[in-house]
């Protein structure tokens, strides 16, 4: 027999992404996390290692986003005596900040909508 759940324990899981009208992905939670990891780790390779992603695919994904949006996301320095590095470009940093704010706004609205839904469920018992 299935036990009745506590409606206050219900959580909503969601992912967000932006895509073209043709359904081609542009930017979503995954790429946003990659960009944040590059900022925190100081290089794309360290970010990929931390997130368990392949460098080659991630590099290709970021180059595609740059082409789609029309501005660079990363400033890269090739490896040398001290190794290479990647950092977010000014536009990349601004994009991350804008997506942070966008996520914060949407997450707040989703939380309020979930609470309203929870209250309707409670009224049905």
PDB file of N, CA and C in Angstrom:
ATOM      1  N   UNK A   1       0.841  -1.186   0.000  1.00  0.00           N
ATOM      2  CA  UNK A   1       0.000   0.000   0.000  1.00  0.00           C
ATOM      3  C   UNK A   1       0.886   1.248   0.000  1.00  0.00           C
ATOM      4  N   UNK A   2       0.555   2.193  -0.835  1.00  0.00           N
ATOM      5  CA  UNK A   2       1.302   3.447  -0.912  1.00  0.00           C
ATOM      6  C   UNK A   2       0.848   4.366   0.208  1.00  0.00           C
ATOM      7  N   UNK A   3       1.815   4.961   0.898  1.00  0.00           N
ATOM      8  CA  UNK A   3       1.440   5.848   2.000  1.00  0.00           C
ATOM      9  C   UNK A   3       1.157   7.255   1.483  1.00  0.00           C
ATOM     10  N   UNK A   4       0.302   7.936   2.175  1.00  0.00           N
ATOM     11  CA  UNK A   4      -0.038   9.321   1.835  1.00  0.00           C
ATOM     12  C   UNK A   4       1.168  10.204   2.115  1.00  0.00           C
ATOM     13  N   UNK A   5       1.479  11.079   1.187  1.00  0.00           N
ATOM     14  CA  UNK A   5       2.649  11.942   1.334  1.00  0.00           C
ATOM     15  C   UNK A   5       2.290  13.228   2.074  1.00  0.00           C
ATOM     16  N   UNK A   6       3.304  13.818   2.647  1.00  0.00           N
ATOM     17  CA  UNK A   6       3.183  15.139   3.255  1.00  0.00           C
ATOM     18  C   UNK A   6       3.305  16.156   2.125  1.00  0.00           C
ATOM     19  N   UNK A   7       2.262  16.884   1.849  1.00  0.00           N
ATOM     20  CA  UNK A   7       2.253  17.814   0.727  1.00  0.00           C
ATOM     21  C   UNK A   7       3.288  18.925   0.873  1.00  0.00           C
ATOM     22  N   UNK A   8       3.729  19.191   2.087  1.00  0.00           N
ATOM     23  CA  UNK A   8       4.765  20.201   2.292  1.00  0.00           C
ATOM     24  C   UNK A   8       6.132  19.712   1.819  1.00  0.00           C
ATOM     25  N   UNK A   9       6.256  18.391   1.624  1.00  0.00           N
ATOM     26  CA  UNK A   9       7.521  17.832   1.166  1.00  0.00           C
ATOM     27  C   UNK A   9       7.637  17.785  -0.353  1.00  0.00           C
ATOM     28  N   UNK A  10       6.565  18.143  -1.057  1.00  0.00           N
ATOM     29  CA  UNK A  10       6.605  18.137  -2.515  1.00  0.00           C
ATOM     30  C   UNK A  10       7.548  19.239  -2.986  1.00  0.00           C
ATOM     31  N   UNK A  11       8.450  18.860  -3.866  1.00  0.00           N
ATOM     32  CA  UNK A  11       9.360  19.839  -4.457  1.00  0.00           C
ATOM     33  C   UNK A  11       9.208  19.794  -5.975  1.00  0.00           C
ATOM     34  N   UNK A  12       9.523  20.867  -6.613  1.00  0.00           N
ATOM     35  CA  UNK A  12       9.457  20.950  -8.061  1.00  0.00           C
ATOM     36  C   UNK A  12      10.879  21.015  -8.604  1.00  0.00           C
ATOM     37  N   UNK A  13      11.184  20.162  -9.556  1.00  0.00           N
ATOM     38  CA  UNK A  13      12.474  20.184 -10.236  1.00  0.00           C
ATOM     39  C   UNK A  13      12.249  20.796 -11.612  1.00  0.00           C
ATOM     40  N   UNK A  14      13.138  21.668 -12.008  1.00  0.00           N
ATOM     41  CA  UNK A  14      13.010  22.265 -13.339  1.00  0.00           C
ATOM     42  C   UNK A  14      14.380  22.665 -13.871  1.00  0.00           C
ATOM     43  N   UNK A  15      14.468  22.688 -15.183  1.00  0.00           N
ATOM     44  CA  UNK A  15      15.656  23.179 -15.868  1.00  0.00           C
ATOM     45  C   UNK A  15      15.181  24.247 -16.841  1.00  0.00           C
ATOM     46  N   UNK A  16      16.048  25.207 -17.068  1.00  0.00           N
ATOM     47  CA  UNK A  16      15.709  26.272 -18.018  1.00  0.00           C
ATOM     48  C   UNK A  16      16.746  26.294 -19.124  1.00  0.00           C
ATOM     49  N   UNK A  17      16.287  26.596 -20.317  1.00  0.00           N
ATOM     50  CA  UNK A  17      17.194  26.833 -21.425  1.00  0.00           C
ATOM     51  C   UNK A  17      16.519  27.744 -22.429  1.00  0.00           C
ATOM     52  N   UNK A  18      17.363  28.399 -23.198  1.00  0.00           N
ATOM     53  CA  UNK A  18      16.899  29.271 -24.263  1.00  0.00           C
ATOM     54  C   UNK A  18      17.188  28.580 -25.582  1.00  0.00           C
ATOM     55  N   UNK A  19      16.258  28.692 -26.512  1.00  0.00           N
ATOM     56  CA  UNK A  19      16.472  28.099 -27.821  1.00  0.00           C
ATOM     57  C   UNK A  19      15.900  29.005 -28.892  1.00  0.00           C
ATOM     58  N   UNK A  20      16.300  28.730 -30.113  1.00  0.00           N
ATOM     59  CA  UNK A  20      15.794  29.497 -31.248  1.00  0.00           C
ATOM     60  C   UNK A  20      14.372  29.056 -31.554  1.00  0.00           C
ATOM     61  N   UNK A  21      13.699  29.786 -32.414  1.00  0.00           N
ATOM     62  CA  UNK A  21      12.364  29.405 -32.850  1.00  0.00           C
ATOM     63  C   UNK A  21      12.339  28.055 -33.545  1.00  0.00           C
ATOM     64  N   UNK A  22      13.489  27.623 -34.060  1.00  0.00           N
ATOM     65  CA  UNK A  22      13.602  26.325 -34.721  1.00  0.00           C
ATOM     66  C   UNK A  22      13.925  25.201 -33.730  1.00  0.00           C
ATOM     67  N   UNK A  23      14.024  25.527 -32.451  1.00  0.00           N
ATOM     68  CA  UNK A  23      14.310  24.516 -31.439  1.00  0.00           C
ATOM     69  C   UNK A  23      15.781  24.222 -31.216  1.00  0.00           C
ATOM     70  N   UNK A  24      16.663  25.070 -31.759  1.00  0.00           N
ATOM     71  CA  UNK A  24      18.097  24.882 -31.555  1.00  0.00           C
ATOM     72  C   UNK A  24      18.500  25.531 -30.232  1.00  0.00           C
ATOM     73  N   UNK A  25      19.129  24.739 -29.358  1.00  0.00           N
ATOM     74  CA  UNK A  25      19.527  25.246 -28.046  1.00  0.00           C
ATOM     75  C   UNK A  25      20.566  26.347 -28.143  1.00  0.00           C
ATOM     76  N   UNK A  26      20.452  27.307 -27.234  1.00  0.00           N
ATOM     77  CA  UNK A  26      21.429  28.395 -27.162  1.00  0.00           C
ATOM     78  C   UNK A  26      22.144  28.320 -25.808  1.00  0.00           C
ATOM     79  N   UNK A  27      21.411  28.597 -24.749  1.00  0.00           N
ATOM     80  CA  UNK A  27      22.011  28.635 -23.416  1.00  0.00           C
ATOM     81  C   UNK A  27      21.014  28.088 -22.413  1.00  0.00           C
ATOM     82  N   UNK A  28      21.511  27.246 -21.527  1.00  0.00           N
ATOM     83  CA  UNK A  28      20.671  26.692 -20.481  1.00  0.00           C
ATOM     84  C   UNK A  28      21.458  26.530 -19.201  1.00  0.00           C
ATOM     85  N   UNK A  29      20.843  25.837 -18.269  1.00  0.00           N
ATOM     86  CA  UNK A  29      21.462  25.657 -16.961  1.00  0.00           C
ATOM     87  C   UNK A  29      22.843  25.002 -17.047  1.00  0.00           C
ATOM     88  N   UNK A  30      23.006  24.027 -17.926  1.00  0.00           N
ATOM     89  CA  UNK A  30      24.289  23.333 -18.038  1.00  0.00           C
ATOM     90  C   UNK A  30      25.416  24.241 -18.490  1.00  0.00           C
ATOM     91  N   UNK A  31      25.188  24.984 -19.565  1.00  0.00           N
ATOM     92  CA  UNK A  31      26.237  25.885 -20.083  1.00  0.00           C
ATOM     93  C   UNK A  31      26.476  27.038 -19.110  1.00  0.00           C
ATOM     94  N   UNK A  32      25.432  27.475 -18.454  1.00  0.00           N
ATOM     95  CA  UNK A  32      25.538  28.518 -17.429  1.00  0.00           C
ATOM     96  C   UNK A  32      26.464  28.037 -16.309  1.00  0.00           C
ATOM     97  N   UNK A  33      26.288  26.776 -15.889  1.00  0.00           N
ATOM     98  CA  UNK A  33      27.150  26.221 -14.846  1.00  0.00           C
ATOM     99  C   UNK A  33      28.598  26.112 -15.323  1.00  0.00           C
ATOM    100  N   UNK A  34      28.778  25.777 -16.595  1.00  0.00           N
ATOM    101  CA  UNK A  34      30.139  25.716 -17.154  1.00  0.00           C
ATOM    102  C   UNK A  34      30.798  27.089 -17.077  1.00  0.00           C
ATOM    103  N   UNK A  35      30.076  28.113 -17.519  1.00  0.00           N
ATOM    104  CA  UNK A  35      30.642  29.466 -17.499  1.00  0.00           C
ATOM    105  C   UNK A  35      30.973  29.905 -16.073  1.00  0.00           C
ATOM    106  N   UNK A  36      30.118  29.570 -15.135  1.00  0.00           N
ATOM    107  CA  UNK A  36      30.388  29.914 -13.731  1.00  0.00           C
ATOM    108  C   UNK A  36      31.613  29.159 -13.218  1.00  0.00           C
ATOM    109  N   UNK A  37      31.763  27.907 -13.645  1.00  0.00           N
ATOM    110  CA  UNK A  37      32.920  27.117 -13.223  1.00  0.00           C
ATOM    111  C   UNK A  37      34.213  27.661 -13.824  1.00  0.00           C
ATOM    112  N   UNK A  38      34.160  28.133 -15.067  1.00  0.00           N
ATOM    113  CA  UNK A  38      35.345  28.755 -15.676  1.00  0.00           C
ATOM    114  C   UNK A  38      35.755  29.964 -14.840  1.00  0.00           C
ATOM    115  N   UNK A  39      34.783  30.759 -14.458  1.00  0.00           N
ATOM    116  CA  UNK A  39      35.082  31.949 -13.645  1.00  0.00           C
ATOM    117  C   UNK A  39      35.714  31.544 -12.313  1.00  0.00           C
ATOM    118  N   UNK A  40      35.170  30.508 -11.685  1.00  0.00           N
ATOM    119  CA  UNK A  40      35.661  30.078 -10.368  1.00  0.00           C
ATOM    120  C   UNK A  40      36.992  29.331 -10.435  1.00  0.00           C
ATOM    121  N   UNK A  41      37.171  28.523 -11.479  1.00  0.00           N
ATOM    122  CA  UNK A  41      38.357  27.668 -11.571  1.00  0.00           C
ATOM    123  C   UNK A  41      39.515  28.324 -12.308  1.00  0.00           C
ATOM    124  N   UNK A  42      39.234  29.330 -13.133  1.00  0.00           N
ATOM    125  CA  UNK A  42      40.300  30.038 -13.830  1.00  0.00           C
ATOM    126  C   UNK A  42      40.716  29.441 -15.159  1.00  0.00           C
ATOM    127  N   UNK A  43      40.090  28.330 -15.542  1.00  0.00           N
ATOM    128  CA  UNK A  43      40.388  27.771 -16.861  1.00  0.00           C
ATOM    129  C   UNK A  43      39.249  26.851 -17.285  1.00  0.00           C
ATOM    130  N   UNK A  44      39.120  26.709 -18.589  1.00  0.00           N
ATOM    131  CA  UNK A  44      38.091  25.821 -19.119  1.00  0.00           C
ATOM    132  C   UNK A  44      38.430  24.374 -18.791  1.00  0.00           C
ATOM    133  N   UNK A  45      39.701  24.000 -18.875  1.00  0.00           N
ATOM    134  CA  UNK A  45      40.061  22.607 -18.593  1.00  0.00           C
ATOM    135  C   UNK A  45      39.772  22.260 -17.129  1.00  0.00           C
ATOM    136  N   UNK A  46      40.066  23.169 -16.204  1.00  0.00           N
ATOM    137  CA  UNK A  46      39.773  22.910 -14.782  1.00  0.00           C
ATOM    138  C   UNK A  46      38.269  22.850 -14.548  1.00  0.00           C
ATOM    139  N   UNK A  47      37.519  23.708 -15.245  1.00  0.00           N
ATOM    140  CA  UNK A  47      36.056  23.693 -15.110  1.00  0.00           C
ATOM    141  C   UNK A  47      35.498  22.367 -15.618  1.00  0.00           C
ATOM    142  N   UNK A  48      35.994  21.905 -16.763  1.00  0.00           N
ATOM    143  CA  UNK A  48      35.541  20.631 -17.324  1.00  0.00           C
ATOM    144  C   UNK A  48      35.866  19.480 -16.383  1.00  0.00           C
ATOM    145  N   UNK A  49      37.069  19.511 -15.838  1.00  0.00           N
ATOM    146  CA  UNK A  49      37.479  18.458 -14.909  1.00  0.00           C
ATOM    147  C   UNK A  49      36.574  18.456 -13.680  1.00  0.00           C
ATOM    148  N   UNK A  50      36.291  19.614 -13.135  1.00  0.00           N
ATOM    149  CA  UNK A  50      35.444  19.718 -11.952  1.00  0.00           C
ATOM    150  C   UNK A  50      34.037  19.210 -12.228  1.00  0.00           C
ATOM    151  N   UNK A  51      33.510  19.498 -13.427  1.00  0.00           N
ATOM    152  CA  UNK A  51      32.138  19.121 -13.764  1.00  0.00           C
ATOM    153  C   UNK A  51      32.036  17.758 -14.439  1.00  0.00           C
ATOM    154  N   UNK A  52      33.180  17.117 -14.693  1.00  0.00           N
ATOM    155  CA  UNK A  52      33.173  15.805 -15.326  1.00  0.00           C
ATOM    156  C   UNK A  52      32.792  15.840 -16.798  1.00  0.00           C
ATOM    157  N   UNK A  53      33.199  16.909 -17.485  1.00  0.00           N
ATOM    158  CA  UNK A  53      32.871  17.087 -18.900  1.00  0.00           C
ATOM    159  C   UNK A  53      34.126  16.970 -19.752  1.00  0.00           C
ATOM    160  N   UNK A  54      33.942  16.634 -21.024  1.00  0.00           N
ATOM    161  CA  UNK A  54      35.094  16.585 -21.915  1.00  0.00           C
ATOM    162  C   UNK A  54      35.400  17.995 -22.411  1.00  0.00           C
ATOM    163  N   UNK A  55      36.679  18.286 -22.475  1.00  0.00           N
ATOM    164  CA  UNK A  55      37.119  19.611 -22.899  1.00  0.00           C
ATOM    165  C   UNK A  55      36.687  19.895 -24.332  1.00  0.00           C
ATOM    166  N   UNK A  56      36.935  18.951 -25.222  1.00  0.00           N
ATOM    167  CA  UNK A  56      36.685  19.177 -26.647  1.00  0.00           C
ATOM    168  C   UNK A  56      35.218  19.494 -26.929  1.00  0.00           C
ATOM    169  N   UNK A  57      34.325  18.702 -26.361  1.00  0.00           N
ATOM    170  CA  UNK A  57      32.891  18.947 -26.594  1.00  0.00           C
ATOM    171  C   UNK A  57      32.458  20.276 -25.977  1.00  0.00           C
ATOM    172  N   UNK A  58      32.923  20.543 -24.765  1.00  0.00           N
ATOM    173  CA  UNK A  58      32.549  21.781 -24.079  1.00  0.00           C
ATOM    174  C   UNK A  58      33.062  22.995 -24.845  1.00  0.00           C
ATOM    175  N   UNK A  59      34.289  22.930 -25.331  1.00  0.00           N
ATOM    176  CA  UNK A  59      34.860  24.015 -26.121  1.00  0.00           C
ATOM    177  C   UNK A  59      33.995  24.255 -27.361  1.00  0.00           C
ATOM    178  N   UNK A  60      33.613  23.180 -28.030  1.00  0.00           N
ATOM    179  CA  UNK A  60      32.758  23.302 -29.211  1.00  0.00           C
ATOM    180  C   UNK A  60      31.402  23.906 -28.882  1.00  0.00           C
ATOM    181  N   UNK A  61      30.826  23.491 -27.762  1.00  0.00           N
ATOM    182  CA  UNK A  61      29.528  24.042 -27.342  1.00  0.00           C
ATOM    183  C   UNK A  61      29.624  25.541 -27.082  1.00  0.00           C
ATOM    184  N   UNK A  62      30.693  25.962 -26.413  1.00  0.00           N
ATOM    185  CA  UNK A  62      30.853  27.388 -26.102  1.00  0.00           C
ATOM    186  C   UNK A  62      31.118  28.202 -27.366  1.00  0.00           C
ATOM    187  N   UNK A  63      31.898  27.646 -28.299  1.00  0.00           N
ATOM    188  CA  UNK A  63      32.133  28.349 -29.571  1.00  0.00           C
ATOM    189  C   UNK A  63      30.818  28.523 -30.337  1.00  0.00           C
ATOM    190  N   UNK A  64      29.960  27.518 -30.295  1.00  0.00           N
ATOM    191  CA  UNK A  64      28.659  27.597 -30.962  1.00  0.00           C
ATOM    192  C   UNK A  64      27.808  28.719 -30.349  1.00  0.00           C
ATOM    193  N   UNK A  65      27.807  28.809 -29.024  1.00  0.00           N
ATOM    194  CA  UNK A  65      27.049  29.874 -28.348  1.00  0.00           C
ATOM    195  C   UNK A  65      27.599  31.240 -28.756  1.00  0.00           C
ATOM    196  N   UNK A  66      28.926  31.354 -28.817  1.00  0.00           N
ATOM    197  CA  UNK A  66      29.533  32.618 -29.241  1.00  0.00           C
ATOM    198  C   UNK A  66      29.064  33.003 -30.643  1.00  0.00           C
ATOM    199  N   UNK A  67      29.011  32.032 -31.539  1.00  0.00           N
ATOM    200  CA  UNK A  67      28.549  32.309 -32.904  1.00  0.00           C
ATOM    201  C   UNK A  67      27.081  32.718 -32.910  1.00  0.00           C
ATOM    202  N   UNK A  68      26.279  32.028 -32.138  1.00  0.00           N
ATOM    203  CA  UNK A  68      24.848  32.331 -32.097  1.00  0.00           C
ATOM    204  C   UNK A  68      24.578  33.729 -31.531  1.00  0.00           C
ATOM    205  N   UNK A  69      25.266  34.069 -30.449  1.00  0.00           N
ATOM    206  CA  UNK A  69      25.002  35.341 -29.775  1.00  0.00           C
ATOM    207  C   UNK A  69      25.797  36.508 -30.368  1.00  0.00           C
ATOM    208  N   UNK A  70      26.883  36.202 -31.056  1.00  0.00           N
ATOM    209  CA  UNK A  70      27.642  37.246 -31.718  1.00  0.00           C
ATOM    210  C   UNK A  70      28.649  37.974 -30.844  1.00  0.00           C
ATOM    211  N   UNK A  71      29.074  37.340 -29.759  1.00  0.00           N
ATOM    212  CA  UNK A  71      30.126  37.931 -28.923  1.00  0.00           C
ATOM    213  C   UNK A  71      30.900  36.819 -28.216  1.00  0.00           C
ATOM    214  N   UNK A  72      32.160  37.101 -27.837  1.00  0.00           N
ATOM    215  CA  UNK A  72      32.982  36.084 -27.181  1.00  0.00           C
ATOM    216  C   UNK A  72      32.563  35.865 -25.731  1.00  0.00           C
ATOM    217  N   UNK A  73      32.612  34.617 -25.313  1.00  0.00           N
ATOM    218  CA  UNK A  73      32.323  34.278 -23.919  1.00  0.00           C
ATOM    219  C   UNK A  73      33.602  34.181 -23.097  1.00  0.00           C
ATOM    220  N   UNK A  74      34.695  33.773 -23.767  1.00  0.00           N
ATOM    221  CA  UNK A  74      35.952  33.525 -23.071  1.00  0.00           C
ATOM    222  C   UNK A  74      37.096  34.316 -23.677  1.00  0.00           C
ATOM    223  N   UNK A  75      38.025  34.683 -22.825  1.00  0.00           N
ATOM    224  CA  UNK A  75      39.335  35.158 -23.244  1.00  0.00           C
ATOM    225  C   UNK A  75      40.282  34.014 -22.918  1.00  0.00           C
ATOM    226  N   UNK A  76      40.995  33.524 -23.935  1.00  0.00           N
ATOM    227  CA  UNK A  76      41.890  32.385 -23.730  1.00  0.00           C
ATOM    228  C   UNK A  76      43.331  32.799 -23.976  1.00  0.00           C
ATOM    229  N   UNK A  77      44.206  32.201 -23.184  1.00  0.00           N
ATOM    230  CA  UNK A  77      45.635  32.340 -23.372  1.00  0.00           C
ATOM    231  C   UNK A  77      46.181  30.939 -23.572  1.00  0.00           C
ATOM    232  N   UNK A  78      46.906  30.732 -24.653  1.00  0.00           N
ATOM    233  CA  UNK A  78      47.465  29.404 -24.942  1.00  0.00           C
ATOM    234  C   UNK A  78      48.474  29.013 -23.870  1.00  0.00           C
ATOM    235  N   UNK A  79      48.626  27.712 -23.726  1.00  0.00           N
ATOM    236  CA  UNK A  79      49.580  27.177 -22.757  1.00  0.00           C
ATOM    237  C   UNK A  79      50.996  27.594 -23.083  1.00  0.00           C
ATOM    238  N   UNK A  80      51.783  27.660 -22.134  1.00  0.00           N
ATOM    239  CA  UNK A  80      53.196  28.010 -22.270  1.00  0.00           C
ATOM    240  C   UNK A  80      53.922  27.458 -21.060  1.00  0.00           C
ATOM    241  N   UNK A  81      54.907  28.179 -20.604  1.00  0.00           N
ATOM    242  CA  UNK A  81      55.682  27.734 -19.453  1.00  0.00           C
ATOM    243  C   UNK A  81      54.792  27.490 -18.230  1.00  0.00           C
ATOM    244  N   UNK A  82      53.830  28.362 -18.030  1.00  0.00           N
ATOM    245  CA  UNK A  82      52.951  28.241 -16.862  1.00  0.00           C
ATOM    246  C   UNK A  82      51.573  27.701 -17.235  1.00  0.00           C
ATOM    247  N   UNK A  83      51.384  27.246 -18.449  1.00  0.00           N
ATOM    248  CA  UNK A  83      50.101  26.688 -18.862  1.00  0.00           C
ATOM    249  C   UNK A  83      49.163  27.774 -19.340  1.00  0.00           C
ATOM    250  N   UNK A  84      48.097  27.349 -19.995  1.00  0.00           N
ATOM    251  CA  UNK A  84      47.121  28.299 -20.507  1.00  0.00           C
ATOM    252  C   UNK A  84      46.085  28.640 -19.461  1.00  0.00           C
ATOM    253  N   UNK A  85      45.215  29.537 -19.847  1.00  0.00           N
ATOM    254  CA  UNK A  85      44.120  29.899 -18.952  1.00  0.00           C
ATOM    255  C   UNK A  85      42.947  30.402 -19.766  1.00  0.00           C
ATOM    256  N   UNK A  86      41.805  30.325 -19.166  1.00  0.00           N
ATOM    257  CA  UNK A  86      40.591  30.864 -19.757  1.00  0.00           C
ATOM    258  C   UNK A  86      39.901  31.681 -18.688  1.00  0.00           C
ATOM    259  N   UNK A  87      39.366  32.788 -19.115  1.00  0.00           N
ATOM    260  CA  UNK A  87      38.548  33.575 -18.202  1.00  0.00           C
ATOM    261  C   UNK A  87      37.368  34.091 -18.989  1.00  0.00           C
ATOM    262  N   UNK A  88      36.319  34.418 -18.293  1.00  0.00           N
ATOM    263  CA  UNK A  88      35.164  34.964 -18.979  1.00  0.00           C
ATOM    264  C   UNK A  88      35.513  36.322 -19.560  1.00  0.00           C
ATOM    265  N   UNK A  89      35.041  36.557 -20.757  1.00  0.00           N
ATOM    266  CA  UNK A  89      35.175  37.889 -21.350  1.00  0.00           C
ATOM    267  C   UNK A  89      34.226  38.819 -20.603  1.00  0.00           C
ATOM    268  N   UNK A  90      34.330  40.088 -20.867  1.00  0.00           N
ATOM    269  CA  UNK A  90      33.403  41.049 -20.244  1.00  0.00           C
ATOM    270  C   UNK A  90      31.967  40.689 -20.600  1.00  0.00           C
ATOM    271  N   UNK A  91      31.726  40.335 -21.871  1.00  0.00           N
ATOM    272  CA  UNK A  91      30.380  39.957 -22.297  1.00  0.00           C
ATOM    273  C   UNK A  91      29.964  38.634 -21.657  1.00  0.00           C
ATOM    274  N   UNK A  92      30.895  37.697 -21.521  1.00  0.00           N
ATOM    275  CA  UNK A  92      30.597  36.416 -20.872  1.00  0.00           C
ATOM    276  C   UNK A  92      30.200  36.608 -19.424  1.00  0.00           C
ATOM    277  N   UNK A  93      30.923  37.474 -18.734  1.00  0.00           N
ATOM    278  CA  UNK A  93      30.609  37.777 -17.330  1.00  0.00           C
ATOM    279  C   UNK A  93      29.229  38.442 -17.225  1.00  0.00           C
ATOM    280  N   UNK A  94      28.955  39.368 -18.132  1.00  0.00           N
ATOM    281  CA  UNK A  94      27.643  40.034 -18.132  1.00  0.00           C
ATOM    282  C   UNK A  94      26.521  39.049 -18.430  1.00  0.00           C
ATOM    283  N   UNK A  95      26.776  38.100 -19.339  1.00  0.00           N
ATOM    284  CA  UNK A  95      25.781  37.083 -19.655  1.00  0.00           C
ATOM    285  C   UNK A  95      25.483  36.220 -18.434  1.00  0.00           C
ATOM    286  N   UNK A  96      26.522  35.802 -17.722  1.00  0.00           N
ATOM    287  CA  UNK A  96      26.335  34.992 -16.518  1.00  0.00           C
ATOM    288  C   UNK A  96      25.534  35.776 -15.482  1.00  0.00           C
ATOM    289  N   UNK A  97      25.874  37.044 -15.289  1.00  0.00           N
ATOM    290  CA  UNK A  97      25.144  37.870 -14.319  1.00  0.00           C
ATOM    291  C   UNK A  97      23.678  38.024 -14.723  1.00  0.00           C
ATOM    292  N   UNK A  98      23.427  38.212 -16.018  1.00  0.00           N
ATOM    293  CA  UNK A  98      22.048  38.351 -16.498  1.00  0.00           C
ATOM    294  C   UNK A  98      21.278  37.043 -16.314  1.00  0.00           C
ATOM    295  N   UNK A  99      21.924  35.907 -16.586  1.00  0.00           N
ATOM    296  CA  UNK A  99      21.249  34.617 -16.420  1.00  0.00           C
ATOM    297  C   UNK A  99      21.032  34.320 -14.943  1.00  0.00           C
ATOM    298  N   UNK A 100      21.982  34.733 -14.078  1.00  0.00           N
ATOM    299  CA  UNK A 100      21.790  34.613 -12.622  1.00  0.00           C
ATOM    300  C   UNK A 100      20.512  35.337 -12.206  1.00  0.00           C
ATOM    301  N   UNK A 101      20.373  36.577 -12.644  1.00  0.00           N
ATOM    302  CA  UNK A 101      19.208  37.396 -12.285  1.00  0.00           C
ATOM    303  C   UNK A 101      17.932  36.793 -12.868  1.00  0.00           C
ATOM    304  N   UNK A 102      17.994  36.372 -14.123  1.00  0.00           N
ATOM    305  CA  UNK A 102      16.856  35.738 -14.779  1.00  0.00           C
ATOM    306  C   UNK A 102      16.417  34.503 -13.995  1.00  0.00           C
ATOM    307  N   UNK A 103      17.376  33.672 -13.611  1.00  0.00           N
ATOM    308  CA  UNK A 103      17.084  32.454 -12.854  1.00  0.00           C
ATOM    309  C   UNK A 103      16.459  32.804 -11.508  1.00  0.00           C
ATOM    310  N   UNK A 104      17.029  33.786 -10.847  1.00  0.00           N
ATOM    311  CA  UNK A 104      16.506  34.209  -9.544  1.00  0.00           C
ATOM    312  C   UNK A 104      15.047  34.653  -9.671  1.00  0.00           C
ATOM    313  N   UNK A 105      14.747  35.439 -10.684  1.00  0.00           N
ATOM    314  CA  UNK A 105      13.375  35.909 -10.901  1.00  0.00           C
ATOM    315  C   UNK A 105      12.426  34.748 -11.195  1.00  0.00           C
ATOM    316  N   UNK A 106      12.826  33.873 -12.106  1.00  0.00           N
ATOM    317  CA  UNK A 106      11.970  32.749 -12.485  1.00  0.00           C
ATOM    318  C   UNK A 106      11.811  31.780 -11.319  1.00  0.00           C
ATOM    319  N   UNK A 107      12.898  31.482 -10.614  1.00  0.00           N
ATOM    320  CA  UNK A 107      12.822  30.566  -9.480  1.00  0.00           C
ATOM    321  C   UNK A 107      11.861  31.104  -8.413  1.00  0.00           C
ATOM    322  N   UNK A 108      11.889  32.414  -8.185  1.00  0.00           N
ATOM    323  CA  UNK A 108      10.974  33.016  -7.211  1.00  0.00           C
ATOM    324  C   UNK A 108       9.523  32.852  -7.642  1.00  0.00           C
ATOM    325  N   UNK A 109       9.253  33.091  -8.900  1.00  0.00           N
ATOM    326  CA  UNK A 109       7.886  32.927  -9.415  1.00  0.00           C
ATOM    327  C   UNK A 109       7.443  31.477  -9.352  1.00  0.00           C
ATOM    328  N   UNK A 110       8.341  30.555  -9.674  1.00  0.00           N
ATOM    329  CA  UNK A 110       8.007  29.135  -9.606  1.00  0.00           C
ATOM    330  C   UNK A 110       7.721  28.730  -8.160  1.00  0.00           C
ATOM    331  N   UNK A 111       8.506  29.215  -7.217  1.00  0.00           N
ATOM    332  CA  UNK A 111       8.295  28.887  -5.807  1.00  0.00           C
ATOM    333  C   UNK A 111       6.928  29.374  -5.331  1.00  0.00           C
ATOM    334  N   UNK A 112       6.564  30.576  -5.733  1.00  0.00           N
ATOM    335  CA  UNK A 112       5.244  31.108  -5.343  1.00  0.00           C
ATOM    336  C   UNK A 112       4.115  30.297  -5.987  1.00  0.00           C
ATOM    337  N   UNK A 113       4.286  29.935  -7.254  1.00  0.00           N
ATOM    338  CA  UNK A 113       3.266  29.143  -7.945  1.00  0.00           C
ATOM    339  C   UNK A 113       3.142  27.754  -7.319  1.00  0.00           C
ATOM    340  N   UNK A 114       4.269  27.151  -6.928  1.00  0.00           N
ATOM    341  CA  UNK A 114       4.229  25.850  -6.271  1.00  0.00           C
ATOM    342  C   UNK A 114       3.488  25.938  -4.949  1.00  0.00           C
ATOM    343  N   UNK A 115       3.734  26.997  -4.197  1.00  0.00           N
ATOM    344  CA  UNK A 115       3.044  27.154  -2.916  1.00  0.00           C
ATOM    345  C   UNK A 115       1.533  27.299  -3.130  1.00  0.00           C
ATOM    346  N   UNK A 116       1.111  28.052  -4.138  1.00  0.00           N
ATOM    347  CA  UNK A 116      -0.318  28.171  -4.453  1.00  0.00           C
ATOM    348  C   UNK A 116      -0.897  26.805  -4.823  1.00  0.00           C
ATOM    349  N   UNK A 117      -0.171  26.047  -5.624  1.00  0.00           N
ATOM    350  CA  UNK A 117      -0.613  24.713  -6.020  1.00  0.00           C
ATOM    351  C   UNK A 117      -0.729  23.799  -4.803  1.00  0.00           C
ATOM    352  N   UNK A 118       0.272  23.872  -3.924  1.00  0.00           N
ATOM    353  CA  UNK A 118       0.262  23.064  -2.702  1.00  0.00           C
ATOM    354  C   UNK A 118      -0.979  23.366  -1.867  1.00  0.00           C
ATOM    355  N   UNK A 119      -1.318  24.629  -1.759  1.00  0.00           N
ATOM    356  CA  UNK A 119      -2.503  25.029  -0.996  1.00  0.00           C
ATOM    357  C   UNK A 119      -3.782  24.466  -1.626  1.00  0.00           C
ATOM    358  N   UNK A 120      -3.840  24.440  -2.952  1.00  0.00           N
ATOM    359  CA  UNK A 120      -5.010  23.857  -3.623  1.00  0.00           C
ATOM    360  C   UNK A 120      -5.090  22.356  -3.378  1.00  0.00           C
ATOM    361  N   UNK A 121      -3.929  21.686  -3.371  1.00  0.00           N
ATOM    362  CA  UNK A 121      -3.916  20.271  -3.063  1.00  0.00           C
ATOM    363  C   UNK A 121      -4.400  20.009  -1.632  1.00  0.00           C
ATOM    364  N   UNK A 122      -3.933  20.831  -0.703  1.00  0.00           N
ATOM    365  CA  UNK A 122      -4.365  20.683   0.683  1.00  0.00           C
ATOM    366  C   UNK A 122      -5.870  20.848   0.816  1.00  0.00           C
ATOM    367  N   UNK A 123      -6.443  21.763   0.065  1.00  0.00           N
ATOM    368  CA  UNK A 123      -7.882  22.007   0.127  1.00  0.00           C
ATOM    369  C   UNK A 123      -8.681  20.820  -0.420  1.00  0.00           C
ATOM    370  N   UNK A 124      -8.052  19.993  -1.245  1.00  0.00           N
ATOM    371  CA  UNK A 124      -8.739  18.837  -1.815  1.00  0.00           C
ATOM    372  C   UNK A 124      -8.822  17.654  -0.853  1.00  0.00           C
ATOM    373  N   UNK A 125      -8.030  17.687   0.195  1.00  0.00           N
ATOM    374  CA  UNK A 125      -8.011  16.540   1.160  1.00  0.00           C
ATOM    375  C   UNK A 125      -9.170  16.597   2.075  1.00  0.00           C
TER     376      UNK A 125
END
